[in-house]
Every structure is written in structure tokens, then in C-alpha cells.
Amino acid sequence: MFEGLSIHTFHGNFFVRSTDLLSLPNVNPDAGFGMQMSIEDTLETNTSCFQAALLYTSSKGACCSALVTAVARW
């Protein structure tokens, strides 16, 4: 997590296990999850990178992962 940024609110059907870890009971292709970030201090740059990983077991028992990376500029 960047200094000056924090996760403010999570949106979706899940259990919050810690400040940056969610437990998802069931994920399907139509599921959506979101979060709101708060700027709590002056940022030294106008670019921030965010990364999220989904670790799951497929219906056939294979361990899988999906990774999403996004860049925000202001």
C-alpha cells in the first residue's frame, strides 16, 4: 500500500478477513467486487499502481490465479 492511500470501503458479497484480504464464498463470471480508496496524506507523485490477485480452485480441482494491475493518474 502506498503511503498516503488507504482502502476506505469494500463493495460486494464477501467476508473481510483483514484490512487487505477478502474471503470470497463463491465467484462466478458475473460477480463484481469493488473498493473505495482514500487519500489520507499528500502524495509525492501523480501516479499510483494497484494490483489485485484472485486465488481459487476450479470446478475440476485445479489451483488457479488471476492477476489484475491498474494505474491511476491524476
C-alpha atoms as a PDB file:
ATOM      1  CA  MET A   1       0.000   0.000   0.000  1.00  0.00           C
ATOM      2  CA  PHE A   2       1.273   3.457  -0.876  1.00  0.00           C
ATOM      3  CA  GLU A   3       1.894   5.917   1.917  1.00  0.00           C
ATOM      4  CA  GLY A   4      -0.982   8.381   1.968  1.00  0.00           C
ATOM      5  CA  LEU A   5      -3.522   5.941   0.443  1.00  0.00           C
ATOM      6  CA  SER A   6      -5.831   3.588   2.316  1.00  0.00           C
ATOM      7  CA  ILE A   7      -8.750   1.312   1.495  1.00  0.00           C
ATOM      8  CA  HIS A   8     -11.897   3.103   2.655  1.00  0.00           C
ATOM      9  CA  THR A   9     -14.810   0.775   1.787  1.00  0.00           C
ATOM     10  CA  PHE A  10     -15.297  -2.629   0.134  1.00  0.00           C
ATOM     11  CA  HIS A  11     -18.331  -3.463  -2.042  1.00  0.00           C
ATOM     12  CA  GLY A  12     -19.565  -6.970  -2.871  1.00  0.00           C
ATOM     13  CA  ASN A  13     -20.511 -10.329  -1.327  1.00  0.00           C
ATOM     14  CA  PHE A  14     -17.518 -11.419   0.770  1.00  0.00           C
ATOM     15  CA  PHE A  15     -16.029 -11.591   4.274  1.00  0.00           C
ATOM     16  CA  VAL A  16     -13.271  -9.126   5.246  1.00  0.00           C
ATOM     17  CA  ARG A  17     -10.515 -11.210   6.862  1.00  0.00           C
ATOM     18  CA  SER A  18      -8.093  -8.313   7.390  1.00  0.00           C
ATOM     19  CA  THR A  19      -7.575  -4.759   6.160  1.00  0.00           C
ATOM     20  CA  ASP A  20      -6.343  -6.008   2.767  1.00  0.00           C
ATOM     21  CA  LEU A  21      -7.647  -9.593   2.498  1.00  0.00           C
ATOM     22  CA  LEU A  22     -11.146 -10.701   1.423  1.00  0.00           C
ATOM     23  CA  SER A  23     -12.632 -14.192   1.584  1.00  0.00           C
ATOM     24  CA  LEU A  24     -14.993 -14.841  -1.331  1.00  0.00           C
ATOM     25  CA  PRO A  25     -17.558 -17.631  -0.781  1.00  0.00           C
ATOM     26  CA  ASN A  26     -18.447 -18.164  -4.446  1.00  0.00           C
ATOM     27  CA  VAL A  27     -17.167 -16.499  -7.595  1.00  0.00           C
ATOM     28  CA  ASN A  28     -18.840 -16.704 -10.982  1.00  0.00           C
ATOM     29  CA  PRO A  29     -18.144 -14.821 -14.241  1.00  0.00           C
ATOM     30  CA  ASP A  30     -20.853 -12.248 -13.420  1.00  0.00           C
ATOM     31  CA  ALA A  31     -19.586 -11.412  -9.913  1.00  0.00           C
ATOM     32  CA  GLY A  32     -18.246  -7.951  -9.206  1.00  0.00           C
ATOM     33  CA  PHE A  33     -16.208  -6.630  -6.306  1.00  0.00           C
ATOM     34  CA  GLY A  34     -15.010  -3.106  -5.676  1.00  0.00           C
ATOM     35  CA  MET A  35     -13.327  -0.851  -3.166  1.00  0.00           C
ATOM     36  CA  GLN A  36     -13.006   2.842  -2.492  1.00  0.00           C
ATOM     37  CA  MET A  37      -9.610   4.372  -1.792  1.00  0.00           C
ATOM     38  CA  SER A  38      -8.998   7.393   0.419  1.00  0.00           C
ATOM     39  CA  ILE A  39      -6.151   9.868   0.077  1.00  0.00           C
ATOM     40  CA  GLU A  40      -5.111  10.467   3.668  1.00  0.00           C
ATOM     41  CA  ASP A  41      -1.928  12.465   3.118  1.00  0.00           C
ATOM     42  CA  THR A  42      -0.146  14.444   0.416  1.00  0.00           C
ATOM     43  CA  LEU A  43       1.089  12.124  -2.348  1.00  0.00           C
ATOM     44  CA  GLU A  44       4.538  12.739  -3.787  1.00  0.00           C
ATOM     45  CA  THR A  45       3.572  11.527  -7.266  1.00  0.00           C
ATOM     46  CA  ASN A  46       0.601  11.858  -9.613  1.00  0.00           C
ATOM     47  CA  THR A  47       0.604   8.115 -10.436  1.00  0.00           C
ATOM     48  CA  SER A  48      -0.430   5.142  -8.300  1.00  0.00           C
ATOM     49  CA  CYS A  49      -0.447   1.447  -9.208  1.00  0.00           C
ATOM     50  CA  PHE A  50      -2.974  -1.035  -7.829  1.00  0.00           C
ATOM     51  CA  GLN A  51      -2.752  -4.808  -8.022  1.00  0.00           C
ATOM     52  CA  ALA A  52      -5.265  -7.496  -7.046  1.00  0.00           C
ATOM     53  CA  ALA A  53      -4.909 -11.276  -7.132  1.00  0.00           C
ATOM     54  CA  LEU A  54      -7.635 -13.918  -7.044  1.00  0.00           C
ATOM     55  CA  LEU A  55      -6.504 -17.365  -5.896  1.00  0.00           C
ATOM     56  CA  TYR A  56      -9.108 -20.071  -6.412  1.00  0.00           C
ATOM     57  CA  THR A  57      -9.778 -23.740  -7.063  1.00  0.00           C
ATOM     58  CA  SER A  58     -11.555 -24.548 -10.332  1.00  0.00           C
ATOM     59  CA  SER A  59     -14.570 -26.862 -10.524  1.00  0.00           C
ATOM     60  CA  LYS A  60     -12.145 -29.600 -11.684  1.00  0.00           C
ATOM     61  CA  GLY A  61      -9.903 -29.176  -8.613  1.00  0.00           C
ATOM     62  CA  ALA A  62      -7.064 -27.223 -10.254  1.00  0.00           C
ATOM     63  CA  CYS A  63      -5.460 -24.379  -8.263  1.00  0.00           C
ATOM     64  CA  CYS A  64      -5.636 -21.179 -10.342  1.00  0.00           C
ATOM     65  CA  SER A  65      -4.861 -17.488 -10.015  1.00  0.00           C
ATOM     66  CA  ALA A  66      -5.869 -14.308 -11.791  1.00  0.00           C
ATOM     67  CA  LEU A  67      -3.929 -11.051 -11.504  1.00  0.00           C
ATOM     68  CA  VAL A  68      -5.124  -7.535 -12.349  1.00  0.00           C
ATOM     69  CA  THR A  69      -2.889  -4.458 -12.392  1.00  0.00           C
ATOM     70  CA  ALA A  70      -4.203  -0.911 -12.875  1.00  0.00           C
ATOM     71  CA  VAL A  71      -2.554   2.519 -12.963  1.00  0.00           C
ATOM     72  CA  ALA A  72      -4.332   5.675 -11.817  1.00  0.00           C
ATOM     73  CA  ARG A  73      -3.072   9.142 -12.804  1.00  0.00           C
ATOM     74  CA  TRP A  74      -4.396  12.496 -11.700  1.00  0.00           C
END
